[in-house]
Amino acid sequence: MRKANRAAAGAAAWQVIQNTDGRVSVWQRVRAVPRMVGAKLRGRYHELSGGKLFMMLVLVGYVVSPIDFVPELILSVFGLVDDIAVAVWLTTMALGESERFVIWEREHQAQEAFDRANPQGPQADQPGQRPGQPGQSAPQGR
């Protein structure tokens, strides 16, 4: 049973790494993690929940901490298995979220570029139209 769970976790992690449709590479996702955390902390990126960010930080703390639920000193192999499982879980979660962040970031940058190119928006005065023509409201008079 446990072996099947580990295999399923490994397969899920591999799916996250491979399931990008070629839009976002693994390295782009890895490099995006610090930007994603920074954007979340500055309040720009709302798709990452505070609970998920907190869980990621807890998992990082668990992996690097000398305190362990299953100590390697006493139970060497089993002590490493829990660390590996947590690292796989963290990697899967971080890469999945960072892929969504990279896609969001691209869309956000495209929208900002569009807004800069069209400062008055898409409904700006179009050439050849005068007030009162179809498509524009005529001034109201008494």
N, C-alpha and C. Protein backbone atom coordinates (compact mmCIF):
# COMPACT_ATOMS: atom_id res chain seq x y z
N MET A 1 0.83 -1.20 0.00
CA MET A 1 0.00 0.00 0.00
C MET A 1 0.87 1.26 0.00
N ARG A 2 1.84 1.32 0.87
CA ARG A 2 2.70 2.50 0.93
C ARG A 2 3.51 2.66 -0.34
N LYS A 3 3.95 1.55 -0.92
CA LYS A 3 4.73 1.62 -2.14
C LYS A 3 3.88 2.20 -3.27
N ALA A 4 2.61 1.84 -3.32
CA ALA A 4 1.70 2.38 -4.33
C ALA A 4 1.50 3.88 -4.13
N ASN A 5 1.41 4.31 -2.87
CA ASN A 5 1.25 5.74 -2.58
C ASN A 5 2.48 6.53 -3.02
N ARG A 6 3.66 5.97 -2.75
CA ARG A 6 4.89 6.65 -3.17
C ARG A 6 4.98 6.73 -4.68
N ALA A 7 4.59 5.63 -5.33
CA ALA A 7 4.62 5.63 -6.80
C ALA A 7 3.63 6.65 -7.36
N ALA A 8 2.46 6.76 -6.73
CA ALA A 8 1.47 7.73 -7.18
C ALA A 8 1.97 9.15 -6.97
N ALA A 9 2.63 9.41 -5.85
CA ALA A 9 3.18 10.74 -5.59
C ALA A 9 4.26 11.09 -6.61
N GLY A 10 5.12 10.12 -6.91
CA GLY A 10 6.16 10.34 -7.92
C GLY A 10 5.57 10.59 -9.29
N ALA A 11 4.52 9.83 -9.64
CA ALA A 11 3.86 10.02 -10.93
C ALA A 11 3.19 11.38 -11.01
N ALA A 12 2.59 11.82 -9.92
CA ALA A 12 1.95 13.15 -9.90
C ALA A 12 2.99 14.25 -10.07
N ALA A 13 4.13 14.09 -9.42
CA ALA A 13 5.20 15.08 -9.56
C ALA A 13 5.70 15.12 -10.99
N TRP A 14 5.86 13.96 -11.60
CA TRP A 14 6.33 13.91 -12.99
C TRP A 14 5.31 14.55 -13.92
N GLN A 15 4.02 14.35 -13.67
CA GLN A 15 2.98 14.97 -14.48
C GLN A 15 3.06 16.49 -14.40
N VAL A 16 3.29 17.03 -13.20
CA VAL A 16 3.40 18.48 -13.05
C VAL A 16 4.58 19.01 -13.84
N ILE A 17 5.68 18.27 -13.82
CA ILE A 17 6.87 18.71 -14.54
C ILE A 17 6.64 18.66 -16.05
N GLN A 18 5.99 17.62 -16.53
CA GLN A 18 5.83 17.42 -17.96
C GLN A 18 4.59 18.07 -18.55
N ASN A 19 3.57 18.34 -17.77
CA ASN A 19 2.28 18.78 -18.28
C ASN A 19 2.21 20.30 -18.44
N THR A 20 2.96 20.82 -19.39
CA THR A 20 2.96 22.27 -19.61
C THR A 20 2.55 22.65 -21.01
N ASP A 21 2.33 21.70 -21.89
CA ASP A 21 2.00 21.98 -23.28
C ASP A 21 3.09 22.82 -23.95
N GLY A 22 4.30 22.79 -23.42
CA GLY A 22 5.40 23.53 -24.01
C GLY A 22 5.37 25.03 -23.77
N ARG A 23 4.41 25.51 -23.00
CA ARG A 23 4.29 26.95 -22.79
C ARG A 23 5.28 27.47 -21.75
N VAL A 24 5.53 26.69 -20.71
CA VAL A 24 6.39 27.14 -19.62
C VAL A 24 7.37 26.01 -19.29
N SER A 25 8.66 26.30 -19.43
CA SER A 25 9.65 25.26 -19.14
C SER A 25 9.84 25.10 -17.63
N VAL A 26 10.48 24.01 -17.26
CA VAL A 26 10.74 23.75 -15.84
C VAL A 26 11.61 24.86 -15.27
N TRP A 27 12.62 25.30 -16.02
CA TRP A 27 13.52 26.33 -15.51
C TRP A 27 12.81 27.66 -15.36
N GLN A 28 11.89 27.98 -16.25
CA GLN A 28 11.11 29.21 -16.10
C GLN A 28 10.27 29.14 -14.83
N ARG A 29 9.72 27.97 -14.54
CA ARG A 29 8.92 27.82 -13.32
C ARG A 29 9.79 27.92 -12.08
N VAL A 30 10.98 27.32 -12.11
CA VAL A 30 11.87 27.38 -10.95
C VAL A 30 12.28 28.82 -10.69
N ARG A 31 12.65 29.55 -11.75
CA ARG A 31 13.05 30.96 -11.59
C ARG A 31 11.89 31.85 -11.18
N ALA A 32 10.67 31.43 -11.45
CA ALA A 32 9.50 32.25 -11.13
C ALA A 32 9.08 32.16 -9.67
N VAL A 33 9.55 31.15 -8.95
CA VAL A 33 9.10 30.96 -7.56
C VAL A 33 9.39 32.19 -6.69
N PRO A 34 10.62 32.76 -6.68
CA PRO A 34 10.83 33.96 -5.86
C PRO A 34 9.97 35.15 -6.29
N ARG A 35 9.77 35.30 -7.61
CA ARG A 35 8.91 36.40 -8.09
C ARG A 35 7.47 36.18 -7.65
N MET A 36 7.03 34.93 -7.66
CA MET A 36 5.67 34.61 -7.26
C MET A 36 5.46 34.94 -5.78
N VAL A 37 6.40 34.54 -4.94
CA VAL A 37 6.28 34.83 -3.51
C VAL A 37 6.31 36.34 -3.29
N GLY A 38 7.20 37.04 -3.98
CA GLY A 38 7.26 38.50 -3.84
C GLY A 38 5.97 39.18 -4.29
N ALA A 39 5.41 38.72 -5.42
CA ALA A 39 4.17 39.31 -5.91
C ALA A 39 3.02 39.03 -4.94
N LYS A 40 3.02 37.86 -4.33
CA LYS A 40 1.98 37.55 -3.34
C LYS A 40 2.12 38.44 -2.11
N LEU A 41 3.34 38.60 -1.64
CA LEU A 41 3.56 39.41 -0.44
C LEU A 41 3.27 40.89 -0.69
N ARG A 42 3.48 41.37 -1.92
CA ARG A 42 3.16 42.76 -2.26
C ARG A 42 1.69 42.95 -2.61
N GLY A 43 0.92 41.86 -2.67
CA GLY A 43 -0.50 41.96 -2.93
C GLY A 43 -0.88 42.04 -4.39
N ARG A 44 0.05 41.74 -5.28
CA ARG A 44 -0.24 41.80 -6.71
C ARG A 44 -0.81 40.50 -7.25
N TYR A 45 -0.44 39.37 -6.67
CA TYR A 45 -0.83 38.05 -7.18
C TYR A 45 -1.78 37.41 -6.18
N HIS A 46 -3.07 37.37 -6.52
CA HIS A 46 -4.08 36.89 -5.59
C HIS A 46 -4.45 35.42 -5.80
N GLU A 47 -3.95 34.80 -6.88
CA GLU A 47 -4.31 33.41 -7.15
C GLU A 47 -3.67 32.43 -6.17
N LEU A 48 -2.55 32.81 -5.58
CA LEU A 48 -1.90 31.96 -4.58
C LEU A 48 -2.48 32.32 -3.22
N SER A 49 -3.12 31.35 -2.59
CA SER A 49 -3.74 31.63 -1.30
C SER A 49 -2.68 31.76 -0.21
N GLY A 50 -3.03 32.48 0.81
CA GLY A 50 -2.11 32.63 1.95
C GLY A 50 -1.83 31.31 2.63
N GLY A 51 -2.85 30.45 2.69
CA GLY A 51 -2.68 29.13 3.30
C GLY A 51 -1.70 28.27 2.53
N LYS A 52 -1.77 28.32 1.20
CA LYS A 52 -0.86 27.51 0.38
C LYS A 52 0.57 28.04 0.50
N LEU A 53 0.73 29.36 0.52
CA LEU A 53 2.06 29.94 0.70
C LEU A 53 2.62 29.55 2.06
N PHE A 54 1.79 29.62 3.10
CA PHE A 54 2.22 29.22 4.44
C PHE A 54 2.64 27.75 4.45
N MET A 55 1.85 26.89 3.79
CA MET A 55 2.19 25.47 3.75
C MET A 55 3.52 25.24 3.04
N MET A 56 3.77 25.98 1.97
CA MET A 56 5.06 25.85 1.27
C MET A 56 6.22 26.23 2.19
N LEU A 57 6.04 27.33 2.93
CA LEU A 57 7.10 27.76 3.84
C LEU A 57 7.32 26.75 4.97
N VAL A 58 6.24 26.16 5.47
CA VAL A 58 6.37 25.12 6.50
C VAL A 58 7.11 23.91 5.95
N LEU A 59 6.79 23.51 4.72
CA LEU A 59 7.46 22.36 4.12
C LEU A 59 8.94 22.64 3.89
N VAL A 60 9.27 23.85 3.45
CA VAL A 60 10.69 24.20 3.29
C VAL A 60 11.38 24.12 4.64
N GLY A 61 10.73 24.66 5.68
CA GLY A 61 11.30 24.59 7.03
C GLY A 61 11.50 23.16 7.50
N TYR A 62 10.56 22.28 7.18
CA TYR A 62 10.69 20.89 7.58
C TYR A 62 11.86 20.21 6.88
N VAL A 63 12.02 20.48 5.59
CA VAL A 63 13.10 19.84 4.83
C VAL A 63 14.47 20.29 5.33
N VAL A 64 14.62 21.57 5.63
CA VAL A 64 15.94 22.07 6.05
C VAL A 64 16.18 21.97 7.55
N SER A 65 15.14 21.70 8.31
CA SER A 65 15.27 21.66 9.76
C SER A 65 15.95 20.37 10.22
N PRO A 66 16.75 20.47 11.28
CA PRO A 66 17.35 19.26 11.84
C PRO A 66 16.33 18.44 12.65
N ILE A 67 15.20 19.05 13.01
CA ILE A 67 14.15 18.34 13.74
C ILE A 67 13.33 17.55 12.73
N ASP A 68 13.04 16.29 13.03
CA ASP A 68 12.41 15.41 12.08
C ASP A 68 11.38 14.54 12.78
N PHE A 69 10.26 14.27 12.09
CA PHE A 69 9.27 13.35 12.66
C PHE A 69 9.82 11.93 12.75
N VAL A 70 10.53 11.51 11.71
CA VAL A 70 11.17 10.19 11.70
C VAL A 70 12.67 10.43 11.59
N PRO A 71 13.38 10.35 12.71
CA PRO A 71 14.81 10.69 12.69
C PRO A 71 15.65 9.70 11.88
N GLU A 72 16.58 10.25 11.09
CA GLU A 72 17.47 9.42 10.28
C GLU A 72 18.45 8.64 11.13
N LEU A 73 18.81 9.18 12.27
CA LEU A 73 19.80 8.53 13.12
C LEU A 73 19.29 7.18 13.63
N ILE A 74 18.02 7.12 13.98
CA ILE A 74 17.46 5.89 14.54
C ILE A 74 16.95 4.98 13.42
N LEU A 75 16.19 5.52 12.53
CA LEU A 75 15.58 4.75 11.44
C LEU A 75 16.07 5.31 10.11
N SER A 76 17.28 4.95 9.72
CA SER A 76 17.95 5.61 8.61
C SER A 76 17.14 5.67 7.32
N VAL A 77 16.69 4.56 6.82
CA VAL A 77 15.98 4.55 5.54
C VAL A 77 14.63 5.24 5.67
N PHE A 78 13.87 4.92 6.71
CA PHE A 78 12.56 5.52 6.88
C PHE A 78 12.65 7.02 7.21
N GLY A 79 13.73 7.39 7.85
CA GLY A 79 13.94 8.80 8.15
C GLY A 79 14.17 9.62 6.89
N LEU A 80 14.80 9.03 5.89
CA LEU A 80 15.01 9.73 4.62
C LEU A 80 13.76 9.73 3.75
N VAL A 81 12.96 8.66 3.88
CA VAL A 81 11.76 8.55 3.05
C VAL A 81 10.80 9.70 3.34
N ASP A 82 10.61 10.05 4.61
CA ASP A 82 9.67 11.14 4.90
C ASP A 82 10.20 12.47 4.38
N ASP A 83 11.51 12.69 4.45
CA ASP A 83 12.09 13.92 3.89
C ASP A 83 11.90 13.97 2.37
N ILE A 84 12.11 12.84 1.72
CA ILE A 84 11.95 12.78 0.27
C ILE A 84 10.49 13.02 -0.11
N ALA A 85 9.57 12.41 0.64
CA ALA A 85 8.14 12.60 0.36
C ALA A 85 7.74 14.07 0.50
N VAL A 86 8.23 14.72 1.54
CA VAL A 86 7.92 16.13 1.74
C VAL A 86 8.54 16.98 0.63
N ALA A 87 9.76 16.64 0.23
CA ALA A 87 10.42 17.40 -0.84
C ALA A 87 9.68 17.23 -2.17
N VAL A 88 9.20 16.02 -2.45
CA VAL A 88 8.44 15.80 -3.68
C VAL A 88 7.13 16.58 -3.64
N TRP A 89 6.47 16.55 -2.50
CA TRP A 89 5.21 17.27 -2.35
C TRP A 89 5.43 18.78 -2.54
N LEU A 90 6.47 19.30 -1.89
CA LEU A 90 6.79 20.72 -2.02
C LEU A 90 7.14 21.09 -3.47
N THR A 91 7.95 20.27 -4.11
CA THR A 91 8.34 20.54 -5.49
C THR A 91 7.13 20.54 -6.41
N THR A 92 6.27 19.56 -6.23
CA THR A 92 5.06 19.47 -7.06
C THR A 92 4.19 20.71 -6.86
N MET A 93 3.99 21.09 -5.61
CA MET A 93 3.15 22.24 -5.32
C MET A 93 3.78 23.53 -5.87
N ALA A 94 5.07 23.71 -5.66
CA ALA A 94 5.74 24.94 -6.10
C ALA A 94 5.78 25.05 -7.62
N LEU A 95 6.08 23.95 -8.31
CA LEU A 95 6.15 24.01 -9.77
C LEU A 95 4.77 24.21 -10.40
N GLY A 96 3.76 23.59 -9.82
CA GLY A 96 2.41 23.80 -10.33
C GLY A 96 1.95 25.24 -10.16
N GLU A 97 2.17 25.79 -8.97
CA GLU A 97 1.79 27.18 -8.72
C GLU A 97 2.61 28.15 -9.55
N SER A 98 3.90 27.87 -9.70
CA SER A 98 4.73 28.82 -10.45
C SER A 98 4.39 28.79 -11.93
N GLU A 99 3.91 27.66 -12.45
CA GLU A 99 3.46 27.63 -13.85
C GLU A 99 2.25 28.55 -14.02
N ARG A 100 1.30 28.45 -13.09
CA ARG A 100 0.13 29.34 -13.16
C ARG A 100 0.56 30.80 -13.03
N PHE A 101 1.57 31.05 -12.18
CA PHE A 101 2.06 32.41 -12.00
C PHE A 101 2.70 32.94 -13.28
N VAL A 102 3.51 32.13 -13.96
CA VAL A 102 4.17 32.58 -15.19
C VAL A 102 3.12 32.92 -16.24
N ILE A 103 2.10 32.11 -16.37
CA ILE A 103 1.02 32.39 -17.33
C ILE A 103 0.30 33.68 -16.94
N TRP A 104 0.00 33.83 -15.64
CA TRP A 104 -0.65 35.06 -15.16
C TRP A 104 0.24 36.27 -15.43
N GLU A 105 1.54 36.12 -15.17
CA GLU A 105 2.49 37.22 -15.35
C GLU A 105 2.55 37.65 -16.82
N ARG A 106 2.56 36.68 -17.72
CA ARG A 106 2.57 37.01 -19.15
C ARG A 106 1.31 37.76 -19.55
N GLU A 107 0.16 37.28 -19.08
CA GLU A 107 -1.10 37.95 -19.40
C GLU A 107 -1.14 39.35 -18.80
N HIS A 108 -0.64 39.49 -17.59
CA HIS A 108 -0.61 40.79 -16.91
C HIS A 108 0.29 41.77 -17.67
N GLN A 109 1.47 41.30 -18.11
CA GLN A 109 2.37 42.15 -18.87
C GLN A 109 1.78 42.54 -20.21
N ALA A 110 1.07 41.61 -20.86
CA ALA A 110 0.43 41.92 -22.13
C ALA A 110 -0.67 42.97 -21.93
N GLN A 111 -1.42 42.86 -20.86
CA GLN A 111 -2.48 43.83 -20.59
C GLN A 111 -1.89 45.20 -20.29
N GLU A 112 -0.77 45.24 -19.53
CA GLU A 112 -0.12 46.52 -19.25
C GLU A 112 0.42 47.16 -20.53
N ALA A 113 0.99 46.34 -21.42
CA ALA A 113 1.50 46.87 -22.69
C ALA A 113 0.36 47.41 -23.54
N PHE A 114 -0.77 46.72 -23.55
CA PHE A 114 -1.94 47.19 -24.29
C PHE A 114 -2.44 48.50 -23.72
N ASP A 115 -2.50 48.60 -22.39
CA ASP A 115 -2.97 49.82 -21.74
C ASP A 115 -2.05 51.00 -22.02
N ARG A 116 -0.73 50.75 -22.08
CA ARG A 116 0.22 51.83 -22.41
C ARG A 116 0.06 52.27 -23.86
N ALA A 117 -0.18 51.31 -24.76
CA ALA A 117 -0.33 51.64 -26.18
C ALA A 117 -1.66 52.33 -26.45
N ASN A 118 -2.66 52.08 -25.62
CA ASN A 118 -4.00 52.66 -25.79
C ASN A 118 -4.39 53.35 -24.49
N PRO A 119 -3.82 54.52 -24.22
CA PRO A 119 -4.04 55.14 -22.92
C PRO A 119 -5.49 55.50 -22.64
N GLN A 120 -6.30 55.73 -23.68
CA GLN A 120 -7.69 56.09 -23.46
C GLN A 120 -8.60 54.88 -23.57
N GLY A 121 -8.04 53.72 -23.72
CA GLY A 121 -8.83 52.50 -23.77
C GLY A 121 -9.32 52.20 -25.16
N PRO A 122 -9.99 51.07 -25.33
CA PRO A 122 -10.43 50.67 -26.66
C PRO A 122 -11.59 51.50 -27.19
N GLN A 123 -12.27 52.28 -26.36
CA GLN A 123 -13.40 53.10 -26.80
C GLN A 123 -12.98 54.53 -27.11
N ALA A 124 -11.71 54.77 -27.37
CA ALA A 124 -11.22 56.12 -27.67
C ALA A 124 -11.84 56.61 -28.97
N ASP A 125 -11.80 57.93 -29.16
CA ASP A 125 -12.35 58.51 -30.39
C ASP A 125 -11.71 57.85 -31.59
N GLN A 126 -12.53 57.42 -32.51
CA GLN A 126 -12.02 56.78 -33.71
C GLN A 126 -12.01 57.80 -34.84
N PRO A 127 -11.02 57.74 -35.72
CA PRO A 127 -10.93 58.72 -36.81
C PRO A 127 -12.18 58.67 -37.69
N GLY A 128 -12.64 59.83 -38.10
CA GLY A 128 -13.77 59.92 -39.00
C GLY A 128 -15.11 59.97 -38.31
N GLN A 129 -15.15 59.88 -36.99
CA GLN A 129 -16.43 59.96 -36.28
C GLN A 129 -16.56 61.32 -35.62
N ARG A 130 -17.78 61.87 -35.71
CA ARG A 130 -18.07 63.14 -35.05
C ARG A 130 -19.11 62.88 -33.98
N PRO A 131 -19.20 63.74 -32.98
CA PRO A 131 -20.23 63.55 -31.97
C PRO A 131 -21.60 63.49 -32.62
N GLY A 132 -22.44 62.60 -32.16
CA GLY A 132 -23.77 62.45 -32.68
C GLY A 132 -23.89 61.32 -33.69
N GLN A 133 -22.76 60.78 -34.18
CA GLN A 133 -22.80 59.67 -35.10
C GLN A 133 -23.03 58.38 -34.31
N PRO A 134 -23.49 57.33 -35.02
CA PRO A 134 -23.69 56.05 -34.32
C PRO A 134 -22.40 55.58 -33.66
N GLY A 135 -22.55 55.00 -32.48
CA GLY A 135 -21.38 54.54 -31.73
C GLY A 135 -20.97 55.50 -30.65
N GLN A 136 -21.48 56.76 -30.71
CA GLN A 136 -21.17 57.74 -29.68
C GLN A 136 -22.46 58.37 -29.22
N SER A 137 -22.52 58.73 -27.99
CA SER A 137 -23.73 59.38 -27.49
C SER A 137 -23.68 60.86 -27.82
N ALA A 138 -24.82 61.37 -28.23
CA ALA A 138 -24.92 62.79 -28.58
C ALA A 138 -25.07 63.59 -27.30
N PRO A 139 -24.53 64.83 -27.28
CA PRO A 139 -24.69 65.65 -26.09
C PRO A 139 -26.16 65.99 -25.87
N GLN A 140 -26.57 65.95 -24.64
CA GLN A 140 -27.96 66.24 -24.28
C GLN A 140 -28.15 67.75 -24.16
N GLY A 141 -29.13 68.29 -24.82
CA GLY A 141 -29.40 69.73 -24.75
C GLY A 141 -30.80 69.98 -24.22
N ARG A 142 -31.11 71.25 -23.91
CA ARG A 142 -32.43 71.59 -23.39
C ARG A 142 -33.30 72.10 -24.45
